[in-house]
Amino acid sequence: MAEDDVPATAADIGRRLGDKKNTVGNYRARLIAAGLVQPAGHGRVDFAIPGLREHLRAR
């Protein structure tokens, strides 16, 4: 997700990780509940914490 400059789709994330759609959906729900990502349109998520994308890219 940090690789993208725009909100990512679950399909893109699953393709990169090689995971099934339901696995990605479970992680998506957990990350939303934890406040790390937020819904950003139909099927898309984006980072909820300002600067998190840049921090992860730097690592």
PDB file of N, CA and C in Angstrom:
ATOM      1  N   MET A   1       0.812  -1.183   0.000  1.00  0.00           N
ATOM      2  CA  MET A   1       0.000   0.000   0.000  1.00  0.00           C
ATOM      3  C   MET A   1       0.862   1.257   0.000  1.00  0.00           C
ATOM      4  N   ALA A   2       1.976   1.202   0.681  1.00  0.00           N
ATOM      5  CA  ALA A   2       2.860   2.364   0.748  1.00  0.00           C
ATOM      6  C   ALA A   2       3.493   2.660  -0.605  1.00  0.00           C
ATOM      7  N   GLU A   3       3.519   1.672  -1.489  1.00  0.00           N
ATOM      8  CA  GLU A   3       4.098   1.872  -2.822  1.00  0.00           C
ATOM      9  C   GLU A   3       3.249   2.792  -3.677  1.00  0.00           C
ATOM     10  N   ASP A   4       1.959   2.844  -3.409  1.00  0.00           N
ATOM     11  CA  ASP A   4       1.028   3.628  -4.217  1.00  0.00           C
ATOM     12  C   ASP A   4       0.961   5.071  -3.744  1.00  0.00           C
ATOM     13  N   ASP A   5       0.787   5.982  -4.696  1.00  0.00           N
ATOM     14  CA  ASP A   5       0.598   7.399  -4.361  1.00  0.00           C
ATOM     15  C   ASP A   5      -0.870   7.733  -4.139  1.00  0.00           C
ATOM     16  N   VAL A   6      -1.732   6.784  -4.437  1.00  0.00           N
ATOM     17  CA  VAL A   6      -3.186   6.972  -4.307  1.00  0.00           C
ATOM     18  C   VAL A   6      -3.734   5.846  -3.443  1.00  0.00           C
ATOM     19  N   PRO A   7      -4.972   5.971  -2.968  1.00  0.00           N
ATOM     20  CA  PRO A   7      -5.566   4.880  -2.197  1.00  0.00           C
ATOM     21  C   PRO A   7      -5.503   3.554  -2.964  1.00  0.00           C
ATOM     22  N   ALA A   8      -5.211   2.487  -2.250  1.00  0.00           N
ATOM     23  CA  ALA A   8      -5.026   1.171  -2.858  1.00  0.00           C
ATOM     24  C   ALA A   8      -6.315   0.364  -2.822  1.00  0.00           C
ATOM     25  N   THR A   9      -6.453  -0.531  -3.788  1.00  0.00           N
ATOM     26  CA  THR A   9      -7.587  -1.454  -3.780  1.00  0.00           C
ATOM     27  C   THR A   9      -7.162  -2.752  -3.108  1.00  0.00           C
ATOM     28  N   ALA A  10      -8.118  -3.430  -2.542  1.00  0.00           N
ATOM     29  CA  ALA A  10      -7.840  -4.726  -1.919  1.00  0.00           C
ATOM     30  C   ALA A  10      -7.308  -5.703  -2.949  1.00  0.00           C
ATOM     31  N   ALA A  11      -7.802  -5.613  -4.180  1.00  0.00           N
ATOM     32  CA  ALA A  11      -7.338  -6.502  -5.248  1.00  0.00           C
ATOM     33  C   ALA A  11      -5.854  -6.291  -5.530  1.00  0.00           C
ATOM     34  N   ASP A  12      -5.410  -5.033  -5.580  1.00  0.00           N
ATOM     35  CA  ASP A  12      -3.990  -4.744  -5.819  1.00  0.00           C
ATOM     36  C   ASP A  12      -3.117  -5.275  -4.688  1.00  0.00           C
ATOM     37  N   ILE A  13      -3.561  -5.055  -3.475  1.00  0.00           N
ATOM     38  CA  ILE A  13      -2.807  -5.522  -2.309  1.00  0.00           C
ATOM     39  C   ILE A  13      -2.716  -7.045  -2.314  1.00  0.00           C
ATOM     40  N   GLY A  14      -3.828  -7.707  -2.567  1.00  0.00           N
ATOM     41  CA  GLY A  14      -3.833  -9.165  -2.619  1.00  0.00           C
ATOM     42  C   GLY A  14      -2.931  -9.710  -3.703  1.00  0.00           C
ATOM     43  N   ARG A  15      -2.931  -9.063  -4.864  1.00  0.00           N
ATOM     44  CA  ARG A  15      -2.085  -9.498  -5.975  1.00  0.00           C
ATOM     45  C   ARG A  15      -0.605  -9.383  -5.591  1.00  0.00           C
ATOM     46  N   ARG A  16      -0.240  -8.297  -4.946  1.00  0.00           N
ATOM     47  CA  ARG A  16       1.166  -8.112  -4.544  1.00  0.00           C
ATOM     48  C   ARG A  16       1.607  -9.119  -3.499  1.00  0.00           C
ATOM     49  N   LEU A  17       0.704  -9.411  -2.571  1.00  0.00           N
ATOM     50  CA  LEU A  17       1.044 -10.325  -1.482  1.00  0.00           C
ATOM     51  C   LEU A  17       0.823 -11.787  -1.842  1.00  0.00           C
ATOM     52  N   GLY A  18       0.076 -12.018  -2.914  1.00  0.00           N
ATOM     53  CA  GLY A  18      -0.244 -13.386  -3.282  1.00  0.00           C
ATOM     54  C   GLY A  18      -1.291 -14.006  -2.366  1.00  0.00           C
ATOM     55  N   ASP A  19      -2.087 -13.171  -1.723  1.00  0.00           N
ATOM     56  CA  ASP A  19      -3.118 -13.642  -0.798  1.00  0.00           C
ATOM     57  C   ASP A  19      -4.484 -13.654  -1.469  1.00  0.00           C
ATOM     58  N   LYS A  20      -5.370 -14.424  -0.892  1.00  0.00           N
ATOM     59  CA  LYS A  20      -6.737 -14.490  -1.380  1.00  0.00           C
ATOM     60  C   LYS A  20      -7.501 -13.249  -0.937  1.00  0.00           C
ATOM     61  N   LYS A  21      -8.579 -12.967  -1.663  1.00  0.00           N
ATOM     62  CA  LYS A  21      -9.368 -11.762  -1.400  1.00  0.00           C
ATOM     63  C   LYS A  21      -9.923 -11.724   0.020  1.00  0.00           C
ATOM     64  N   ASN A  22     -10.374 -12.870   0.534  1.00  0.00           N
ATOM     65  CA  ASN A  22     -10.944 -12.871   1.878  1.00  0.00           C
ATOM     66  C   ASN A  22      -9.875 -12.616   2.944  1.00  0.00           C
ATOM     67  N   THR A  23      -8.654 -13.054   2.708  1.00  0.00           N
ATOM     68  CA  THR A  23      -7.561 -12.794   3.648  1.00  0.00           C
ATOM     69  C   THR A  23      -7.270 -11.298   3.703  1.00  0.00           C
ATOM     70  N   VAL A  24      -7.197 -10.675   2.550  1.00  0.00           N
ATOM     71  CA  VAL A  24      -6.950  -9.233   2.489  1.00  0.00           C
ATOM     72  C   VAL A  24      -8.096  -8.481   3.153  1.00  0.00           C
ATOM     73  N   GLY A  25      -9.319  -8.937   2.945  1.00  0.00           N
ATOM     74  CA  GLY A  25     -10.483  -8.298   3.562  1.00  0.00           C
ATOM     75  C   GLY A  25     -10.442  -8.358   5.073  1.00  0.00           C
ATOM     76  N   ASN A  26      -9.966  -9.467   5.613  1.00  0.00           N
ATOM     77  CA  ASN A  26      -9.844  -9.596   7.070  1.00  0.00           C
ATOM     78  C   ASN A  26      -8.819  -8.608   7.617  1.00  0.00           C
ATOM     79  N   TYR A  27      -7.671  -8.522   6.961  1.00  0.00           N
ATOM     80  CA  TYR A  27      -6.650  -7.569   7.405  1.00  0.00           C
ATOM     81  C   TYR A  27      -7.141  -6.135   7.242  1.00  0.00           C
ATOM     82  N   ARG A  28      -7.860  -5.864   6.163  1.00  0.00           N
ATOM     83  CA  ARG A  28      -8.418  -4.531   5.929  1.00  0.00           C
ATOM     84  C   ARG A  28      -9.316  -4.130   7.100  1.00  0.00           C
ATOM     85  N   ALA A  29     -10.202  -5.024   7.493  1.00  0.00           N
ATOM     86  CA  ALA A  29     -11.119  -4.737   8.599  1.00  0.00           C
ATOM     87  C   ALA A  29     -10.360  -4.488   9.900  1.00  0.00           C
ATOM     88  N   ARG A  30      -9.335  -5.272  10.150  1.00  0.00           N
ATOM     89  CA  ARG A  30      -8.535  -5.100  11.374  1.00  0.00           C
ATOM     90  C   ARG A  30      -7.798  -3.773  11.380  1.00  0.00           C
ATOM     91  N   LEU A  31      -7.229  -3.396  10.223  1.00  0.00           N
ATOM     92  CA  LEU A  31      -6.479  -2.144  10.148  1.00  0.00           C
ATOM     93  C   LEU A  31      -7.400  -0.929  10.253  1.00  0.00           C
ATOM     94  N   ILE A  32      -8.613  -1.040   9.713  1.00  0.00           N
ATOM     95  CA  ILE A  32      -9.589   0.038   9.866  1.00  0.00           C
ATOM     96  C   ILE A  32      -9.976   0.164  11.336  1.00  0.00           C
ATOM     97  N   ALA A  33     -10.247  -0.957  11.995  1.00  0.00           N
ATOM     98  CA  ALA A  33     -10.619  -0.942  13.416  1.00  0.00           C
ATOM     99  C   ALA A  33      -9.500  -0.365  14.281  1.00  0.00           C
ATOM    100  N   ALA A  34      -8.257  -0.609  13.886  1.00  0.00           N
ATOM    101  CA  ALA A  34      -7.117  -0.101  14.648  1.00  0.00           C
ATOM    102  C   ALA A  34      -6.826   1.369  14.348  1.00  0.00           C
ATOM    103  N   GLY A  35      -7.479   1.923  13.320  1.00  0.00           N
ATOM    104  CA  GLY A  35      -7.267   3.321  12.985  1.00  0.00           C
ATOM    105  C   GLY A  35      -6.054   3.597  12.134  1.00  0.00           C
ATOM    106  N   LEU A  36      -5.463   2.568  11.543  1.00  0.00           N
ATOM    107  CA  LEU A  36      -4.278   2.762  10.706  1.00  0.00           C
ATOM    108  C   LEU A  36      -4.625   3.091   9.264  1.00  0.00           C
ATOM    109  N   VAL A  37      -5.723   2.541   8.765  1.00  0.00           N
ATOM    110  CA  VAL A  37      -6.195   2.856   7.420  1.00  0.00           C
ATOM    111  C   VAL A  37      -7.653   3.269   7.508  1.00  0.00           C
ATOM    112  N   GLN A  38      -8.126   3.897   6.435  1.00  0.00           N
ATOM    113  CA  GLN A  38      -9.519   4.327   6.386  1.00  0.00           C
ATOM    114  C   GLN A  38     -10.062   4.066   4.989  1.00  0.00           C
ATOM    115  N   PRO A  39     -11.355   3.799   4.889  1.00  0.00           N
ATOM    116  CA  PRO A  39     -11.958   3.618   3.574  1.00  0.00           C
ATOM    117  C   PRO A  39     -11.793   4.889   2.743  1.00  0.00           C
ATOM    118  N   ALA A  40     -11.510   4.705   1.457  1.00  0.00           N
ATOM    119  CA  ALA A  40     -11.290   5.853   0.574  1.00  0.00           C
ATOM    120  C   ALA A  40     -11.994   5.619  -0.757  1.00  0.00           C
ATOM    121  N   GLY A  41     -13.266   5.304  -0.692  1.00  0.00           N
ATOM    122  CA  GLY A  41     -14.012   5.016  -1.902  1.00  0.00           C
ATOM    123  C   GLY A  41     -14.289   3.530  -1.994  1.00  0.00           C
ATOM    124  N   HIS A  42     -15.052   3.145  -2.973  1.00  0.00           N
ATOM    125  CA  HIS A  42     -15.466   1.750  -3.131  1.00  0.00           C
ATOM    126  C   HIS A  42     -14.263   0.819  -3.291  1.00  0.00           C
ATOM    127  N   GLY A  43     -14.054  -0.045  -2.307  1.00  0.00           N
ATOM    128  CA  GLY A  43     -12.986  -1.031  -2.374  1.00  0.00           C
ATOM    129  C   GLY A  43     -11.590  -0.501  -2.186  1.00  0.00           C
ATOM    130  N   ARG A  44     -11.461   0.722  -1.787  1.00  0.00           N
ATOM    131  CA  ARG A  44     -10.137   1.335  -1.619  1.00  0.00           C
ATOM    132  C   ARG A  44      -9.891   1.708  -0.167  1.00  0.00           C
ATOM    133  N   VAL A  45      -8.624   1.703   0.210  1.00  0.00           N
ATOM    134  CA  VAL A  45      -8.221   2.159   1.536  1.00  0.00           C
ATOM    135  C   VAL A  45      -7.012   3.075   1.397  1.00  0.00           C
ATOM    136  N   ASP A  46      -6.868   3.949   2.373  1.00  0.00           N
ATOM    137  CA  ASP A  46      -5.732   4.860   2.412  1.00  0.00           C
ATOM    138  C   ASP A  46      -5.259   4.951   3.854  1.00  0.00           C
ATOM    139  N   PHE A  47      -4.054   5.387   4.058  1.00  0.00           N
ATOM    140  CA  PHE A  47      -3.519   5.538   5.401  1.00  0.00           C
ATOM    141  C   PHE A  47      -4.298   6.603   6.157  1.00  0.00           C
ATOM    142  N   ALA A  48      -4.599   6.342   7.407  1.00  0.00           N
ATOM    143  CA  ALA A  48      -5.340   7.285   8.238  1.00  0.00           C
ATOM    144  C   ALA A  48      -4.404   8.221   9.002  1.00  0.00           C
ATOM    145  N   ILE A  49      -3.166   7.821   9.161  1.00  0.00           N
ATOM    146  CA  ILE A  49      -2.198   8.603   9.934  1.00  0.00           C
ATOM    147  C   ILE A  49      -1.332   9.415   8.967  1.00  0.00           C
ATOM    148  N   PRO A  50      -1.357  10.735   9.080  1.00  0.00           N
ATOM    149  CA  PRO A  50      -0.531  11.557   8.196  1.00  0.00           C
ATOM    150  C   PRO A  50       0.946  11.191   8.323  1.00  0.00           C
ATOM    151  N   GLY A  51       1.607  11.053   7.183  1.00  0.00           N
ATOM    152  CA  GLY A  51       3.032  10.760   7.164  1.00  0.00           C
ATOM    153  C   GLY A  51       3.383   9.284   7.243  1.00  0.00           C
ATOM    154  N   LEU A  52       2.403   8.407   7.461  1.00  0.00           N
ATOM    155  CA  LEU A  52       2.706   6.984   7.592  1.00  0.00           C
ATOM    156  C   LEU A  52       3.236   6.398   6.290  1.00  0.00           C
ATOM    157  N   ARG A  53       2.672   6.795   5.164  1.00  0.00           N
ATOM    158  CA  ARG A  53       3.139   6.297   3.857  1.00  0.00           C
ATOM    159  C   ARG A  53       4.617   6.629   3.659  1.00  0.00           C
ATOM    160  N   GLU A  54       4.986   7.874   3.928  1.00  0.00           N
ATOM    161  CA  GLU A  54       6.372   8.311   3.750  1.00  0.00           C
ATOM    162  C   GLU A  54       7.304   7.599   4.723  1.00  0.00           C
ATOM    163  N   HIS A  55       6.842   7.405   5.951  1.00  0.00           N
ATOM    164  CA  HIS A  55       7.639   6.694   6.941  1.00  0.00           C
ATOM    165  C   HIS A  55       7.923   5.257   6.490  1.00  0.00           C
ATOM    166  N   LEU A  56       6.910   4.586   5.990  1.00  0.00           N
ATOM    167  CA  LEU A  56       7.085   3.204   5.545  1.00  0.00           C
ATOM    168  C   LEU A  56       7.972   3.127   4.301  1.00  0.00           C
ATOM    169  N   ARG A  57       7.857   4.092   3.420  1.00  0.00           N
ATOM    170  CA  ARG A  57       8.701   4.103   2.225  1.00  0.00           C
ATOM    171  C   ARG A  57      10.175   4.295   2.591  1.00  0.00           C
ATOM    172  N   ALA A  58      10.435   5.062   3.628  1.00  0.00           N
ATOM    173  CA  ALA A  58      11.814   5.328   4.041  1.00  0.00           C
ATOM    174  C   ALA A  58      12.486   4.103   4.656  1.00  0.00           C
ATOM    175  N   ARG A  59      11.688   3.149   5.082  1.00  0.00           N
ATOM    176  CA  ARG A  59      12.242   1.961   5.740  1.00  0.00           C
ATOM    177  C   ARG A  59      12.665   0.964   4.743  1.00  0.00           C
TER     178      ARG A  59
END
